[in-house]
Amino acid sequence: IRARYGAEAALRLARQIVLSPHRQGGQAQFIE
């Protein structure tokens, strides 16, 4: 969504579904 329709649209969607707005792809799978 972010890549095709922009960061602001992705941020609004993340807020609506109560999800972290941006986790970078290279971030580790294990998050404590």
PDB file of all heavy atoms in Angstrom:
ATOM      1  N   ILE A   1       0.842  -1.201   0.000  1.00  0.00           N
ATOM      2  CA  ILE A   1       0.000   0.000   0.000  1.00  0.00           C
ATOM      3  C   ILE A   1       0.876   1.250   0.000  1.00  0.00           C
ATOM      4  O   ILE A   1       0.650   2.201  -0.757  1.00  0.00           O
ATOM      5  CB  ILE A   1      -0.927   0.009   1.223  1.00  0.00           C
ATOM      6  CG1 ILE A   1      -2.002  -1.083   1.107  1.00  0.00           C
ATOM      7  CG2 ILE A   1      -1.573   1.378   1.410  1.00  0.00           C
ATOM      8  CD1 ILE A   1      -3.038  -0.832   0.040  1.00  0.00           C
ATOM      9  N   ARG A   2       1.892   1.265   0.847  1.00  0.00           N
ATOM     10  CA  ARG A   2       2.768   2.432   0.974  1.00  0.00           C
ATOM     11  C   ARG A   2       3.512   2.692  -0.339  1.00  0.00           C
ATOM     12  O   ARG A   2       3.620   3.833  -0.792  1.00  0.00           O
ATOM     13  CB  ARG A   2       3.765   2.211   2.108  1.00  0.00           C
ATOM     14  CG  ARG A   2       4.648   3.410   2.423  1.00  0.00           C
ATOM     15  CD  ARG A   2       5.612   3.092   3.554  1.00  0.00           C
ATOM     16  NE  ARG A   2       4.905   2.576   4.717  1.00  0.00           N
ATOM     17  CZ  ARG A   2       4.914   1.308   5.100  1.00  0.00           C
ATOM     18  NH1 ARG A   2       5.610   0.411   4.422  1.00  0.00           N
ATOM     19  NH2 ARG A   2       4.237   0.911   6.160  1.00  0.00           N
ATOM     20  N   ALA A   3       4.017   1.627  -0.948  1.00  0.00           N
ATOM     21  CA  ALA A   3       4.804   1.778  -2.174  1.00  0.00           C
ATOM     22  C   ALA A   3       3.956   2.261  -3.341  1.00  0.00           C
ATOM     23  O   ALA A   3       4.424   3.020  -4.182  1.00  0.00           O
ATOM     24  CB  ALA A   3       5.474   0.446  -2.523  1.00  0.00           C
ATOM     25  N   ARG A   4       2.683   1.838  -3.388  1.00  0.00           N
ATOM     26  CA  ARG A   4       1.838   2.176  -4.535  1.00  0.00           C
ATOM     27  C   ARG A   4       0.962   3.406  -4.312  1.00  0.00           C
ATOM     28  O   ARG A   4       0.627   4.100  -5.282  1.00  0.00           O
ATOM     29  CB  ARG A   4       0.949   0.979  -4.888  1.00  0.00           C
ATOM     30  CG  ARG A   4       1.738  -0.225  -5.393  1.00  0.00           C
ATOM     31  CD  ARG A   4       0.905  -1.115  -6.268  1.00  0.00           C
ATOM     32  NE  ARG A   4       1.774  -1.984  -7.059  1.00  0.00           N
ATOM     33  CZ  ARG A   4       1.400  -2.626  -8.158  1.00  0.00           C
ATOM     34  NH1 ARG A   4       0.164  -2.480  -8.610  1.00  0.00           N
ATOM     35  NH2 ARG A   4       2.240  -3.393  -8.827  1.00  0.00           N
ATOM     36  N   TYR A   5       0.591   3.656  -3.055  1.00  0.00           N
ATOM     37  CA  TYR A   5      -0.398   4.707  -2.810  1.00  0.00           C
ATOM     38  C   TYR A   5       0.046   5.734  -1.768  1.00  0.00           C
ATOM     39  O   TYR A   5      -0.716   6.628  -1.438  1.00  0.00           O
ATOM     40  CB  TYR A   5      -1.738   4.076  -2.404  1.00  0.00           C
ATOM     41  CG  TYR A   5      -2.207   3.089  -3.437  1.00  0.00           C
ATOM     42  CD1 TYR A   5      -2.103   1.710  -3.201  1.00  0.00           C
ATOM     43  CD2 TYR A   5      -2.686   3.518  -4.668  1.00  0.00           C
ATOM     44  CE1 TYR A   5      -2.504   0.799  -4.170  1.00  0.00           C
ATOM     45  CE2 TYR A   5      -3.083   2.613  -5.637  1.00  0.00           C
ATOM     46  CZ  TYR A   5      -2.992   1.252  -5.390  1.00  0.00           C
ATOM     47  OH  TYR A   5      -3.367   0.355  -6.358  1.00  0.00           O
ATOM     48  N   GLY A   6       1.278   5.616  -1.267  1.00  0.00           N
ATOM     49  CA  GLY A   6       1.827   6.652  -0.419  1.00  0.00           C
ATOM     50  C   GLY A   6       1.828   6.340   1.064  1.00  0.00           C
ATOM     51  O   GLY A   6       1.050   5.525   1.556  1.00  0.00           O
ATOM     52  N   ALA A   7       2.730   7.012   1.782  1.00  0.00           N
ATOM     53  CA  ALA A   7       2.911   6.772   3.215  1.00  0.00           C
ATOM     54  C   ALA A   7       1.707   7.225   4.025  1.00  0.00           C
ATOM     55  O   ALA A   7       1.341   6.593   5.022  1.00  0.00           O
ATOM     56  CB  ALA A   7       4.170   7.488   3.702  1.00  0.00           C
ATOM     57  N   GLU A   8       1.075   8.329   3.618  1.00  0.00           N
ATOM     58  CA  GLU A   8      -0.039   8.851   4.395  1.00  0.00           C
ATOM     59  C   GLU A   8      -1.234   7.902   4.336  1.00  0.00           C
ATOM     60  O   GLU A   8      -1.895   7.644   5.352  1.00  0.00           O
ATOM     61  CB  GLU A   8      -0.446  10.237   3.889  1.00  0.00           C
ATOM     62  CG  GLU A   8      -1.483  10.934   4.755  1.00  0.00           C
ATOM     63  CD  GLU A   8      -0.997  11.178   6.184  1.00  0.00           C
ATOM     64  OE1 GLU A   8       0.211  11.417   6.380  1.00  0.00           O
ATOM     65  OE2 GLU A   8      -1.846  11.114   7.096  1.00  0.00           O
ATOM     66  N   ALA A   9      -1.526   7.359   3.162  1.00  0.00           N
ATOM     67  CA  ALA A   9      -2.622   6.397   3.042  1.00  0.00           C
ATOM     68  C   ALA A   9      -2.332   5.136   3.852  1.00  0.00           C
ATOM     69  O   ALA A   9      -3.214   4.595   4.526  1.00  0.00           O
ATOM     70  CB  ALA A   9      -2.845   6.034   1.572  1.00  0.00           C
ATOM     71  N   ALA A  10      -1.080   4.670   3.812  1.00  0.00           N
ATOM     72  CA  ALA A  10      -0.694   3.493   4.595  1.00  0.00           C
ATOM     73  C   ALA A  10      -0.813   3.767   6.084  1.00  0.00           C
ATOM     74  O   ALA A  10      -1.246   2.903   6.856  1.00  0.00           O
ATOM     75  CB  ALA A  10       0.730   3.069   4.245  1.00  0.00           C
ATOM     76  N   LEU A  11      -0.446   4.985   6.503  1.00  0.00           N
ATOM     77  CA  LEU A  11      -0.544   5.347   7.912  1.00  0.00           C
ATOM     78  C   LEU A  11      -1.994   5.370   8.365  1.00  0.00           C
ATOM     79  O   LEU A  11      -2.332   4.858   9.439  1.00  0.00           O
ATOM     80  CB  LEU A  11       0.107   6.710   8.143  1.00  0.00           C
ATOM     81  CG  LEU A  11       0.063   7.274   9.566  1.00  0.00           C
ATOM     82  CD1 LEU A  11       0.780   6.346  10.531  1.00  0.00           C
ATOM     83  CD2 LEU A  11       0.681   8.661   9.607  1.00  0.00           C
ATOM     84  N   ARG A  12      -2.883   5.952   7.549  1.00  0.00           N
ATOM     85  CA  ARG A  12      -4.299   5.991   7.912  1.00  0.00           C
ATOM     86  C   ARG A  12      -4.891   4.587   7.991  1.00  0.00           C
ATOM     87  O   ARG A  12      -5.682   4.278   8.882  1.00  0.00           O
ATOM     88  CB  ARG A  12      -5.072   6.842   6.900  1.00  0.00           C
ATOM     89  CG  ARG A  12      -4.798   8.336   7.006  1.00  0.00           C
ATOM     90  CD  ARG A  12      -5.807   9.139   6.203  1.00  0.00           C
ATOM     91  NE  ARG A  12      -5.615   8.966   4.771  1.00  0.00           N
ATOM     92  CZ  ARG A  12      -4.928   9.792   3.994  1.00  0.00           C
ATOM     93  NH1 ARG A  12      -4.341  10.862   4.518  1.00  0.00           N
ATOM     94  NH2 ARG A  12      -4.823   9.576   2.693  1.00  0.00           N
ATOM     95  N   LEU A  13      -4.499   3.723   7.067  1.00  0.00           N
ATOM     96  CA  LEU A  13      -4.982   2.344   7.089  1.00  0.00           C
ATOM     97  C   LEU A  13      -4.475   1.624   8.329  1.00  0.00           C
ATOM     98  O   LEU A  13      -5.230   0.897   8.987  1.00  0.00           O
ATOM     99  CB  LEU A  13      -4.526   1.610   5.825  1.00  0.00           C
ATOM    100  CG  LEU A  13      -4.850   0.112   5.749  1.00  0.00           C
ATOM    101  CD1 LEU A  13      -6.339  -0.129   5.929  1.00  0.00           C
ATOM    102  CD2 LEU A  13      -4.359  -0.465   4.430  1.00  0.00           C
ATOM    103  N   ALA A  14      -3.190   1.802   8.650  1.00  0.00           N
ATOM    104  CA  ALA A  14      -2.614   1.158   9.835  1.00  0.00           C
ATOM    105  C   ALA A  14      -3.351   1.589  11.098  1.00  0.00           C
ATOM    106  O   ALA A  14      -3.625   0.771  11.984  1.00  0.00           O
ATOM    107  CB  ALA A  14      -1.132   1.484   9.951  1.00  0.00           C
ATOM    108  N   ARG A  15      -3.681   2.865  11.180  1.00  0.00           N
ATOM    109  CA  ARG A  15      -4.415   3.348  12.345  1.00  0.00           C
ATOM    110  C   ARG A  15      -5.792   2.707  12.427  1.00  0.00           C
ATOM    111  O   ARG A  15      -6.266   2.353  13.499  1.00  0.00           O
ATOM    112  CB  ARG A  15      -4.553   4.866  12.271  1.00  0.00           C
ATOM    113  CG  ARG A  15      -3.269   5.627  12.615  1.00  0.00           C
ATOM    114  CD  ARG A  15      -3.433   7.109  12.350  1.00  0.00           C
ATOM    115  NE  ARG A  15      -2.245   7.860  12.745  1.00  0.00           N
ATOM    116  CZ  ARG A  15      -1.999   9.100  12.350  1.00  0.00           C
ATOM    117  NH1 ARG A  15      -2.856   9.720  11.533  1.00  0.00           N
ATOM    118  NH2 ARG A  15      -0.907   9.717  12.749  1.00  0.00           N
ATOM    119  N   GLN A  16      -6.447   2.562  11.279  1.00  0.00           N
ATOM    120  CA  GLN A  16      -7.801   2.003  11.282  1.00  0.00           C
ATOM    121  C   GLN A  16      -7.815   0.539  11.723  1.00  0.00           C
ATOM    122  O   GLN A  16      -8.719   0.111  12.438  1.00  0.00           O
ATOM    123  CB  GLN A  16      -8.433   2.135   9.900  1.00  0.00           C
ATOM    124  CG  GLN A  16      -9.906   1.730   9.887  1.00  0.00           C
ATOM    125  CD  GLN A  16     -10.549   1.989   8.556  1.00  0.00           C
ATOM    126  OE1 GLN A  16     -10.451   1.183   7.644  1.00  0.00           O
ATOM    127  NE2 GLN A  16     -11.217   3.136   8.423  1.00  0.00           N
ATOM    128  N   ILE A  17      -6.821  -0.223  11.302  1.00  0.00           N
ATOM    129  CA  ILE A  17      -6.794  -1.635  11.686  1.00  0.00           C
ATOM    130  C   ILE A  17      -5.918  -1.880  12.915  1.00  0.00           C
ATOM    131  O   ILE A  17      -5.664  -3.026  13.281  1.00  0.00           O
ATOM    132  CB  ILE A  17      -6.332  -2.528  10.513  1.00  0.00           C
ATOM    133  CG1 ILE A  17      -4.896  -2.201  10.088  1.00  0.00           C
ATOM    134  CG2 ILE A  17      -7.279  -2.392   9.332  1.00  0.00           C
ATOM    135  CD1 ILE A  17      -4.374  -3.078   8.949  1.00  0.00           C
ATOM    136  N   VAL A  18      -5.467  -0.788  13.540  1.00  0.00           N
ATOM    137  CA  VAL A  18      -4.690  -0.830  14.788  1.00  0.00           C
ATOM    138  C   VAL A  18      -3.442  -1.692  14.610  1.00  0.00           C
ATOM    139  O   VAL A  18      -3.256  -2.715  15.269  1.00  0.00           O
ATOM    140  CB  VAL A  18      -5.543  -1.335  15.979  1.00  0.00           C
ATOM    141  CG1 VAL A  18      -4.840  -1.025  17.298  1.00  0.00           C
ATOM    142  CG2 VAL A  18      -6.926  -0.728  15.969  1.00  0.00           C
ATOM    143  N   LEU A  19      -2.602  -1.242  13.685  1.00  0.00           N
ATOM    144  CA  LEU A  19      -1.360  -1.936  13.385  1.00  0.00           C
ATOM    145  C   LEU A  19      -0.229  -0.934  13.377  1.00  0.00           C
ATOM    146  O   LEU A  19      -0.425   0.235  13.047  1.00  0.00           O
ATOM    147  CB  LEU A  19      -1.454  -2.618  12.014  1.00  0.00           C
ATOM    148  CG  LEU A  19      -0.298  -3.538  11.600  1.00  0.00           C
ATOM    149  CD1 LEU A  19      -0.296  -4.797  12.451  1.00  0.00           C
ATOM    150  CD2 LEU A  19      -0.424  -3.907  10.128  1.00  0.00           C
ATOM    151  N   SER A  20       0.963  -1.390  13.748  1.00  0.00           N
ATOM    152  CA  SER A  20       2.135  -0.525  13.673  1.00  0.00           C
ATOM    153  C   SER A  20       2.245   0.027  12.263  1.00  0.00           C
ATOM    154  O   SER A  20       2.225  -0.732  11.284  1.00  0.00           O
ATOM    155  CB  SER A  20       3.397  -1.326  14.020  1.00  0.00           C
ATOM    156  OG  SER A  20       4.546  -0.548  13.822  1.00  0.00           O
ATOM    157  N   PRO A  21       2.371   1.353  12.104  1.00  0.00           N
ATOM    158  CA  PRO A  21       2.303   1.943  10.783  1.00  0.00           C
ATOM    159  C   PRO A  21       3.439   1.582   9.847  1.00  0.00           C
ATOM    160  O   PRO A  21       3.283   1.621   8.647  1.00  0.00           O
ATOM    161  CB  PRO A  21       2.292   3.454  11.066  1.00  0.00           C
ATOM    162  CG  PRO A  21       2.871   3.598  12.421  1.00  0.00           C
ATOM    163  CD  PRO A  21       2.482   2.365  13.175  1.00  0.00           C
ATOM    164  N   HIS A  22       4.620   1.240  10.370  1.00  0.00           N
ATOM    165  CA  HIS A  22       5.712   0.922   9.464  1.00  0.00           C
ATOM    166  C   HIS A  22       6.783   0.110  10.162  1.00  0.00           C
ATOM    167  O   HIS A  22       7.446   0.606  11.056  1.00  0.00           O
ATOM    168  CB  HIS A  22       6.336   2.203   8.896  1.00  0.00           C
ATOM    169  CG  HIS A  22       7.351   1.915   7.821  1.00  0.00           C
ATOM    170  ND1 HIS A  22       8.283   2.837   7.407  1.00  0.00           N
ATOM    171  CD2 HIS A  22       7.587   0.810   7.086  1.00  0.00           C
ATOM    172  CE1 HIS A  22       9.037   2.313   6.454  1.00  0.00           C
ATOM    173  NE2 HIS A  22       8.628   1.084   6.246  1.00  0.00           N
ATOM    174  N   ARG A  23       6.921  -1.140   9.754  1.00  0.00           N
ATOM    175  CA  ARG A  23       8.072  -1.928  10.174  1.00  0.00           C
ATOM    176  C   ARG A  23       8.900  -2.177   8.924  1.00  0.00           C
ATOM    177  O   ARG A  23       8.422  -2.747   7.953  1.00  0.00           O
ATOM    178  CB  ARG A  23       7.631  -3.251  10.811  1.00  0.00           C
ATOM    179  CG  ARG A  23       6.989  -3.071  12.174  1.00  0.00           C
ATOM    180  CD  ARG A  23       7.133  -4.320  13.021  1.00  0.00           C
ATOM    181  NE  ARG A  23       6.356  -5.437  12.513  1.00  0.00           N
ATOM    182  CZ  ARG A  23       6.481  -6.690  12.971  1.00  0.00           C
ATOM    183  NH1 ARG A  23       7.378  -6.959  13.921  1.00  0.00           N
ATOM    184  NH2 ARG A  23       5.735  -7.660  12.481  1.00  0.00           N
ATOM    185  N   GLN A  24      10.143  -1.705   8.951  1.00  0.00           N
ATOM    186  CA  GLN A  24      11.020  -1.813   7.803  1.00  0.00           C
ATOM    187  C   GLN A  24      11.230  -3.276   7.433  1.00  0.00           C
ATOM    188  O   GLN A  24      11.322  -4.150   8.296  1.00  0.00           O
ATOM    189  CB  GLN A  24      12.363  -1.154   8.115  1.00  0.00           C
ATOM    190  CG  GLN A  24      13.278  -0.992   6.922  1.00  0.00           C
ATOM    191  CD  GLN A  24      12.819   0.080   5.968  1.00  0.00           C
ATOM    192  OE1 GLN A  24      12.015   0.925   6.326  1.00  0.00           O
ATOM    193  NE2 GLN A  24      13.310   0.041   4.750  1.00  0.00           N
ATOM    194  N   GLY A  25      11.297  -3.561   6.129  1.00  0.00           N
ATOM    195  CA  GLY A  25      11.421  -4.938   5.682  1.00  0.00           C
ATOM    196  C   GLY A  25      12.636  -5.656   6.221  1.00  0.00           C
ATOM    197  O   GLY A  25      12.594  -6.848   6.500  1.00  0.00           O
ATOM    198  N   GLY A  26      13.760  -4.933   6.389  1.00  0.00           N
ATOM    199  CA  GLY A  26      14.980  -5.551   6.867  1.00  0.00           C
ATOM    200  C   GLY A  26      15.010  -5.788   8.357  1.00  0.00           C
ATOM    201  O   GLY A  26      15.969  -6.337   8.892  1.00  0.00           O
ATOM    202  N   GLN A  27      13.944  -5.399   9.034  1.00  0.00           N
ATOM    203  CA  GLN A  27      13.879  -5.578  10.491  1.00  0.00           C
ATOM    204  C   GLN A  27      13.809  -7.060  10.837  1.00  0.00           C
ATOM    205  O   GLN A  27      13.274  -7.871  10.086  1.00  0.00           O
ATOM    206  CB  GLN A  27      12.620  -4.856  11.000  1.00  0.00           C
ATOM    207  CG  GLN A  27      12.510  -4.734  12.494  1.00  0.00           C
ATOM    208  CD  GLN A  27      11.415  -3.732  12.848  1.00  0.00           C
ATOM    209  OE1 GLN A  27      11.382  -2.645  12.327  1.00  0.00           O
ATOM    210  NE2 GLN A  27      10.541  -4.132  13.734  1.00  0.00           N
ATOM    211  N   ALA A  28      14.344  -7.431  11.991  1.00  0.00           N
ATOM    212  CA  ALA A  28      14.385  -8.835  12.382  1.00  0.00           C
ATOM    213  C   ALA A  28      12.996  -9.386  12.655  1.00  0.00           C
ATOM    214  O   ALA A  28      12.094  -8.680  13.089  1.00  0.00           O
ATOM    215  CB  ALA A  28      15.250  -9.004  13.636  1.00  0.00           C
ATOM    216  N   GLN A  29      12.814 -10.690  12.391  1.00  0.00           N
ATOM    217  CA  GLN A  29      11.532 -11.328  12.670  1.00  0.00           C
ATOM    218  C   GLN A  29      11.291 -11.453  14.173  1.00  0.00           C
ATOM    219  O   GLN A  29      10.149 -11.440  14.626  1.00  0.00           O
ATOM    220  CB  GLN A  29      11.474 -12.720  12.038  1.00  0.00           C
ATOM    221  CG  GLN A  29      11.446 -12.708  10.521  1.00  0.00           C
ATOM    222  CD  GLN A  29      11.161 -14.067   9.950  1.00  0.00           C
ATOM    223  OE1 GLN A  29      10.394 -14.848  10.506  1.00  0.00           O
ATOM    224  NE2 GLN A  29      11.778 -14.381   8.813  1.00  0.00           N
ATOM    225  N   PHE A  30      12.351 -11.609  14.947  1.00  0.00           N
ATOM    226  CA  PHE A  30      12.198 -11.777  16.386  1.00  0.00           C
ATOM    227  C   PHE A  30      12.155 -10.413  17.049  1.00  0.00           C
ATOM    228  O   PHE A  30      13.139  -9.689  17.047  1.00  0.00           O
ATOM    229  CB  PHE A  30      13.365 -12.580  16.965  1.00  0.00           C
ATOM    230  CG  PHE A  30      13.485 -13.949  16.381  1.00  0.00           C
ATOM    231  CD1 PHE A  30      14.380 -14.188  15.347  1.00  0.00           C
ATOM    232  CD2 PHE A  30      12.720 -14.989  16.847  1.00  0.00           C
ATOM    233  CE1 PHE A  30      14.503 -15.452  14.803  1.00  0.00           C
ATOM    234  CE2 PHE A  30      12.842 -16.254  16.301  1.00  0.00           C
ATOM    235  CZ  PHE A  30      13.731 -16.489  15.280  1.00  0.00           C
ATOM    236  N   ILE A  31      11.025 -10.039  17.612  1.00  0.00           N
ATOM    237  CA  ILE A  31      10.879  -8.736  18.260  1.00  0.00           C
ATOM    238  C   ILE A  31      10.343  -8.947  19.669  1.00  0.00           C
ATOM    239  O   ILE A  31       9.222  -9.402  19.868  1.00  0.00           O
ATOM    240  CB  ILE A  31       9.946  -7.821  17.467  1.00  0.00           C
ATOM    241  CG1 ILE A  31      10.552  -7.569  16.077  1.00  0.00           C
ATOM    242  CG2 ILE A  31       9.718  -6.513  18.183  1.00  0.00           C
ATOM    243  CD1 ILE A  31       9.710  -6.727  15.186  1.00  0.00           C
ATOM    244  N   GLU A  32      11.184  -8.664  20.640  1.00  0.00           N
ATOM    245  CA  GLU A  32      10.816  -8.873  22.035  1.00  0.00           C
ATOM    246  C   GLU A  32      10.356  -7.557  22.633  1.00  0.00           C
ATOM    247  O   GLU A  32      11.050  -6.549  22.566  1.00  0.00           O
ATOM    248  CB  GLU A  32      12.046  -9.392  22.800  1.00  0.00           C
ATOM    249  CG  GLU A  32      11.781  -9.643  24.279  1.00  0.00           C
ATOM    250  CD  GLU A  32      13.036 -10.148  24.966  1.00  0.00           C
ATOM    251  OE1 GLU A  32      13.818 -10.848  24.306  1.00  0.00           O
ATOM    252  OE2 GLU A  32      13.224  -9.842  26.136  1.00  0.00           O
TER     253      GLU A  32
END
